[in-house]
Amino acid sequence: MPALEVGMKYFVAILLLLSVSAKPSSAPQLALKDMHGNAHSLSEYRGKIVVLNFWATWCIPCKTEMPIFVEVYKKYHDRGVVVLAASLDDEATRKYVSQYTRSYKMEFPVLVGASANTMRELGLGESIPSTLFLDGEGNVAGKVLGQAKKKDVLHRLEWLLGNHQGEAPEGVTDTVAKK
């Protein structure tokens, strides 16, 4: 066998090994506690569609979009959709989270202790609000960077639930960059 052919076979084999070992996990990992100290991880919601919204009590666009997620919870939780709200409030503002959740009637799990690092690890950048959508297998099915629009959230959920009407939702909707 010519040396070039042998070298090429080794090169292809190495590329295949690198592509397998360097392949990132499409199912993100996250573990945060809720306001009562109970731990929640994304893996516990396998088999369900997850809407994970990052917000803070001091964030004005978060206040505008939170009613969307309250509506999503009411409309879809019986269909296997889980809404999680991850607060980025720090020690100084975390005391307002409970009042915020009551005023918006947030009946879904509210997680505390999220940070900009948490968002970066999930590929959301640092702008809040931001939202991550996971399919039933825990894989990222979409992202909204910045304030979500009701029609986009509902369309994405219907699509994930199997109602494929209209065009498929964009993988990433970036409302921050559009400003």
C-alpha atoms as a PDB file:
ATOM      1  CA  MET A   1       0.000   0.000   0.000  1.00  0.00           C
ATOM      2  CA  PRO A   2       1.433   3.382  -0.876  1.00  0.00           C
ATOM      3  CA  ALA A   3       2.426   5.561   2.086  1.00  0.00           C
ATOM      4  CA  LEU A   4       0.015   8.306   0.997  1.00  0.00           C
ATOM      5  CA  GLU A   5      -2.950   5.911   1.043  1.00  0.00           C
ATOM      6  CA  VAL A   6      -2.019   4.585   4.507  1.00  0.00           C
ATOM      7  CA  GLY A   7      -1.530   8.112   5.797  1.00  0.00           C
ATOM      8  CA  MET A   8      -4.917   9.149   4.401  1.00  0.00           C
ATOM      9  CA  LYS A   9      -6.666   6.221   6.124  1.00  0.00           C
ATOM     10  CA  TYR A  10      -5.099   7.215   9.463  1.00  0.00           C
ATOM     11  CA  PHE A  11      -6.079  10.826   8.879  1.00  0.00           C
ATOM     12  CA  VAL A  12      -9.731   9.844   8.201  1.00  0.00           C
ATOM     13  CA  ALA A  13      -9.758   7.568  11.261  1.00  0.00           C
ATOM     14  CA  ILE A  14      -8.426  10.363  13.471  1.00  0.00           C
ATOM     15  CA  LEU A  15     -11.023  12.800  12.122  1.00  0.00           C
ATOM     16  CA  LEU A  16     -13.802  10.318  12.862  1.00  0.00           C
ATOM     17  CA  LEU A  17     -12.534   9.797  16.415  1.00  0.00           C
ATOM     18  CA  LEU A  18     -12.273  13.539  16.988  1.00  0.00           C
ATOM     19  CA  SER A  19     -15.760  14.178  15.651  1.00  0.00           C
ATOM     20  CA  VAL A  20     -17.225  11.564  17.987  1.00  0.00           C
ATOM     21  CA  SER A  21     -15.287  12.638  21.092  1.00  0.00           C
ATOM     22  CA  ALA A  22     -15.663  16.387  20.470  1.00  0.00           C
ATOM     23  CA  LYS A  23     -19.388  16.170  19.841  1.00  0.00           C
ATOM     24  CA  PRO A  24     -21.105  18.394  22.421  1.00  0.00           C
ATOM     25  CA  SER A  25     -24.025  17.095  24.405  1.00  0.00           C
ATOM     26  CA  SER A  26     -27.217  18.391  22.891  1.00  0.00           C
ATOM     27  CA  ALA A  27     -29.070  17.793  26.160  1.00  0.00           C
ATOM     28  CA  PRO A  28     -27.971  20.639  28.453  1.00  0.00           C
ATOM     29  CA  GLN A  29     -27.361  20.131  32.140  1.00  0.00           C
ATOM     30  CA  LEU A  30     -28.742  22.486  34.765  1.00  0.00           C
ATOM     31  CA  ALA A  31     -29.442  22.069  38.451  1.00  0.00           C
ATOM     32  CA  LEU A  32     -30.905  24.877  40.548  1.00  0.00           C
ATOM     33  CA  LYS A  33     -32.991  25.067  43.697  1.00  0.00           C
ATOM     34  CA  ASP A  34     -36.496  26.449  43.864  1.00  0.00           C
ATOM     35  CA  MET A  35     -37.630  29.073  46.382  1.00  0.00           C
ATOM     36  CA  HIS A  36     -38.289  26.320  48.946  1.00  0.00           C
ATOM     37  CA  GLY A  37     -34.792  24.832  48.650  1.00  0.00           C
ATOM     38  CA  ASN A  38     -35.832  21.813  46.544  1.00  0.00           C
ATOM     39  CA  ALA A  39     -33.350  20.858  43.829  1.00  0.00           C
ATOM     40  CA  HIS A  40     -34.505  20.717  40.212  1.00  0.00           C
ATOM     41  CA  SER A  41     -32.527  19.468  37.229  1.00  0.00           C
ATOM     42  CA  LEU A  42     -33.453  19.468  33.568  1.00  0.00           C
ATOM     43  CA  SER A  43     -32.971  15.699  33.423  1.00  0.00           C
ATOM     44  CA  GLU A  44     -35.965  15.155  35.718  1.00  0.00           C
ATOM     45  CA  TYR A  45     -38.236  16.560  33.002  1.00  0.00           C
ATOM     46  CA  ARG A  46     -37.276  14.063  30.266  1.00  0.00           C
ATOM     47  CA  GLY A  47     -40.376  13.051  28.351  1.00  0.00           C
ATOM     48  CA  LYS A  48     -41.795  16.553  28.628  1.00  0.00           C
ATOM     49  CA  ILE A  49     -41.312  19.717  26.631  1.00  0.00           C
ATOM     50  CA  VAL A  50     -39.541  22.325  28.778  1.00  0.00           C
ATOM     51  CA  VAL A  51     -39.753  26.098  28.527  1.00  0.00           C
ATOM     52  CA  LEU A  52     -36.942  27.554  30.648  1.00  0.00           C
ATOM     53  CA  ASN A  53     -37.193  31.324  31.029  1.00  0.00           C
ATOM     54  CA  PHE A  54     -34.409  33.408  32.577  1.00  0.00           C
ATOM     55  CA  TRP A  55     -35.609  36.608  34.253  1.00  0.00           C
ATOM     56  CA  ALA A  56     -35.092  38.963  37.205  1.00  0.00           C
ATOM     57  CA  THR A  57     -37.411  41.054  39.367  1.00  0.00           C
ATOM     58  CA  TRP A  58     -35.680  44.272  38.263  1.00  0.00           C
ATOM     59  CA  CYS A  59     -35.914  43.474  34.527  1.00  0.00           C
ATOM     60  CA  ILE A  60     -38.587  45.571  32.766  1.00  0.00           C
ATOM     61  CA  PRO A  61     -38.891  43.350  29.626  1.00  0.00           C
ATOM     62  CA  CYS A  62     -39.242  40.351  31.963  1.00  0.00           C
ATOM     63  CA  LYS A  63     -42.319  41.952  33.489  1.00  0.00           C
ATOM     64  CA  THR A  64     -43.787  42.405  30.033  1.00  0.00           C
ATOM     65  CA  GLU A  65     -43.227  38.797  28.947  1.00  0.00           C
ATOM     66  CA  MET A  66     -43.954  36.902  32.201  1.00  0.00           C
ATOM     67  CA  PRO A  67     -47.731  36.823  31.553  1.00  0.00           C
ATOM     68  CA  ILE A  68     -46.935  34.842  28.374  1.00  0.00           C
ATOM     69  CA  PHE A  69     -45.312  32.078  30.424  1.00  0.00           C
ATOM     70  CA  VAL A  70     -48.136  32.095  32.968  1.00  0.00           C
ATOM     71  CA  GLU A  71     -50.563  31.614  30.061  1.00  0.00           C
ATOM     72  CA  VAL A  72     -48.365  28.892  28.542  1.00  0.00           C
ATOM     73  CA  TYR A  73     -48.381  27.034  31.846  1.00  0.00           C
ATOM     74  CA  LYS A  74     -52.168  27.213  32.139  1.00  0.00           C
ATOM     75  CA  LYS A  75     -52.761  26.231  28.518  1.00  0.00           C
ATOM     76  CA  TYR A  76     -50.152  23.494  28.088  1.00  0.00           C
ATOM     77  CA  HIS A  77     -49.177  21.886  31.397  1.00  0.00           C
ATOM     78  CA  ASP A  78     -51.816  19.173  30.905  1.00  0.00           C
ATOM     79  CA  ARG A  79     -50.193  18.382  27.540  1.00  0.00           C
ATOM     80  CA  GLY A  80     -46.744  17.623  28.945  1.00  0.00           C
ATOM     81  CA  VAL A  81     -45.223  21.098  28.839  1.00  0.00           C
ATOM     82  CA  VAL A  82     -43.171  22.233  31.829  1.00  0.00           C
ATOM     83  CA  VAL A  83     -42.501  25.918  32.460  1.00  0.00           C
ATOM     84  CA  LEU A  84     -39.517  26.803  34.627  1.00  0.00           C
ATOM     85  CA  ALA A  85     -38.596  30.357  35.601  1.00  0.00           C
ATOM     86  CA  ALA A  86     -34.938  30.791  36.558  1.00  0.00           C
ATOM     87  CA  SER A  87     -34.326  34.014  38.481  1.00  0.00           C
ATOM     88  CA  LEU A  88     -31.040  35.856  38.082  1.00  0.00           C
ATOM     89  CA  ASP A  89     -31.720  37.928  41.185  1.00  0.00           C
ATOM     90  CA  ASP A  90     -28.694  38.166  43.454  1.00  0.00           C
ATOM     91  CA  GLU A  91     -28.617  38.306  47.259  1.00  0.00           C
ATOM     92  CA  ALA A  92     -29.712  41.972  47.261  1.00  0.00           C
ATOM     93  CA  THR A  93     -32.852  41.471  45.161  1.00  0.00           C
ATOM     94  CA  ARG A  94     -33.729  37.810  45.792  1.00  0.00           C
ATOM     95  CA  LYS A  95     -36.024  38.947  48.612  1.00  0.00           C
ATOM     96  CA  TYR A  96     -38.420  40.296  45.946  1.00  0.00           C
ATOM     97  CA  VAL A  97     -38.798  36.995  44.070  1.00  0.00           C
ATOM     98  CA  SER A  98     -41.612  35.657  46.254  1.00  0.00           C
ATOM     99  CA  GLN A  99     -43.675  38.844  45.896  1.00  0.00           C
ATOM    100  CA  TYR A 100     -43.044  38.861  42.120  1.00  0.00           C
ATOM    101  CA  THR A 101     -44.224  35.258  41.732  1.00  0.00           C
ATOM    102  CA  ARG A 102     -47.398  35.986  43.681  1.00  0.00           C
ATOM    103  CA  SER A 103     -48.212  39.134  41.733  1.00  0.00           C
ATOM    104  CA  TYR A 104     -47.807  37.307  38.391  1.00  0.00           C
ATOM    105  CA  LYS A 105     -49.551  34.161  39.706  1.00  0.00           C
ATOM    106  CA  MET A 106     -46.640  31.951  38.710  1.00  0.00           C
ATOM    107  CA  GLU A 107     -47.793  28.431  39.596  1.00  0.00           C
ATOM    108  CA  PHE A 108     -44.805  26.710  37.994  1.00  0.00           C
ATOM    109  CA  PRO A 109     -41.385  26.076  39.572  1.00  0.00           C
ATOM    110  CA  VAL A 110     -39.382  29.247  40.166  1.00  0.00           C
ATOM    111  CA  LEU A 111     -35.670  28.529  40.405  1.00  0.00           C
ATOM    112  CA  VAL A 112     -33.187  30.799  42.156  1.00  0.00           C
ATOM    113  CA  GLY A 113     -29.450  31.141  41.916  1.00  0.00           C
ATOM    114  CA  ALA A 114     -29.150  31.351  38.133  1.00  0.00           C
ATOM    115  CA  SER A 115     -26.449  33.643  36.783  1.00  0.00           C
ATOM    116  CA  ALA A 116     -25.041  35.045  33.569  1.00  0.00           C
ATOM    117  CA  ASN A 117     -22.625  32.091  33.635  1.00  0.00           C
ATOM    118  CA  THR A 118     -25.582  29.703  33.712  1.00  0.00           C
ATOM    119  CA  MET A 119     -27.023  31.391  30.649  1.00  0.00           C
ATOM    120  CA  ARG A 120     -23.702  31.368  28.791  1.00  0.00           C
ATOM    121  CA  GLU A 121     -23.299  27.648  29.476  1.00  0.00           C
ATOM    122  CA  LEU A 122     -26.686  27.080  27.836  1.00  0.00           C
ATOM    123  CA  GLY A 123     -25.770  29.197  24.813  1.00  0.00           C
ATOM    124  CA  LEU A 124     -28.076  32.084  25.696  1.00  0.00           C
ATOM    125  CA  GLY A 125     -25.510  34.844  26.121  1.00  0.00           C
ATOM    126  CA  GLU A 126     -26.108  37.320  28.935  1.00  0.00           C
ATOM    127  CA  SER A 127     -29.209  39.319  27.962  1.00  0.00           C
ATOM    128  CA  ILE A 128     -32.327  38.829  29.999  1.00  0.00           C
ATOM    129  CA  PRO A 129     -34.940  37.841  29.492  1.00  0.00           C
ATOM    130  CA  SER A 130     -33.960  34.794  27.484  1.00  0.00           C
ATOM    131  CA  THR A 131     -35.732  31.500  26.994  1.00  0.00           C
ATOM    132  CA  LEU A 132     -34.641  27.970  26.165  1.00  0.00           C
ATOM    133  CA  PHE A 133     -36.983  25.328  24.697  1.00  0.00           C
ATOM    134  CA  LEU A 134     -36.210  21.625  25.164  1.00  0.00           C
ATOM    135  CA  ASP A 135     -37.913  18.767  23.373  1.00  0.00           C
ATOM    136  CA  GLY A 136     -39.152  15.637  25.148  1.00  0.00           C
ATOM    137  CA  GLU A 137     -35.703  14.057  24.975  1.00  0.00           C
ATOM    138  CA  GLY A 138     -34.057  17.032  26.679  1.00  0.00           C
ATOM    139  CA  ASN A 139     -32.434  18.417  23.528  1.00  0.00           C
ATOM    140  CA  VAL A 140     -32.374  22.123  22.771  1.00  0.00           C
ATOM    141  CA  ALA A 141     -35.239  22.777  20.352  1.00  0.00           C
ATOM    142  CA  GLY A 142     -35.007  26.566  20.256  1.00  0.00           C
ATOM    143  CA  LYS A 143     -33.898  29.756  21.946  1.00  0.00           C
ATOM    144  CA  VAL A 144     -35.243  33.262  22.312  1.00  0.00           C
ATOM    145  CA  LEU A 145     -32.528  35.763  23.143  1.00  0.00           C
ATOM    146  CA  GLY A 146     -34.235  38.804  24.633  1.00  0.00           C
ATOM    147  CA  GLN A 147     -37.939  39.403  25.136  1.00  0.00           C
ATOM    148  CA  ALA A 148     -40.196  36.666  23.773  1.00  0.00           C
ATOM    149  CA  LYS A 149     -43.309  37.376  21.744  1.00  0.00           C
ATOM    150  CA  LYS A 150     -46.459  35.428  22.525  1.00  0.00           C
ATOM    151  CA  LYS A 151     -47.067  34.294  18.942  1.00  0.00           C
ATOM    152  CA  ASP A 152     -43.505  32.950  18.653  1.00  0.00           C
ATOM    153  CA  VAL A 153     -43.704  31.042  21.938  1.00  0.00           C
ATOM    154  CA  LEU A 154     -47.101  29.510  21.120  1.00  0.00           C
ATOM    155  CA  HIS A 155     -46.037  28.604  17.571  1.00  0.00           C
ATOM    156  CA  ARG A 156     -42.883  26.888  18.841  1.00  0.00           C
ATOM    157  CA  LEU A 157     -44.832  24.933  21.471  1.00  0.00           C
ATOM    158  CA  GLU A 158     -47.476  23.817  18.991  1.00  0.00           C
ATOM    159  CA  TRP A 159     -44.689  22.692  16.667  1.00  0.00           C
ATOM    160  CA  LEU A 160     -42.972  20.743  19.462  1.00  0.00           C
ATOM    161  CA  LEU A 161     -46.303  19.127  20.345  1.00  0.00           C
ATOM    162  CA  GLY A 162     -46.647  17.878  16.766  1.00  0.00           C
ATOM    163  CA  ASN A 163     -48.931  20.535  15.287  1.00  0.00           C
ATOM    164  CA  HIS A 164     -46.740  21.421  12.304  1.00  0.00           C
ATOM    165  CA  GLN A 165     -48.764  24.207  10.762  1.00  0.00           C
ATOM    166  CA  GLY A 166     -46.954  26.932   8.916  1.00  0.00           C
ATOM    167  CA  GLU A 167     -43.197  27.223   8.726  1.00  0.00           C
ATOM    168  CA  ALA A 168     -40.945  25.597  11.285  1.00  0.00           C
ATOM    169  CA  PRO A 169     -39.866  28.029  14.018  1.00  0.00           C
ATOM    170  CA  GLU A 170     -36.367  29.506  13.777  1.00  0.00           C
ATOM    171  CA  GLY A 171     -33.760  27.744  15.914  1.00  0.00           C
ATOM    172  CA  VAL A 172     -32.765  31.024  17.526  1.00  0.00           C
ATOM    173  CA  THR A 173     -34.875  34.156  17.721  1.00  0.00           C
ATOM    174  CA  ASP A 174     -32.660  37.078  18.707  1.00  0.00           C
ATOM    175  CA  THR A 175     -34.773  40.078  19.718  1.00  0.00           C
ATOM    176  CA  VAL A 176     -31.718  41.735  21.287  1.00  0.00           C
ATOM    177  CA  ALA A 177     -29.804  41.996  18.003  1.00  0.00           C
ATOM    178  CA  LYS A 178     -32.906  43.291  16.184  1.00  0.00           C
ATOM    179  CA  LYS A 179     -32.975  46.456  18.282  1.00  0.00           C
END
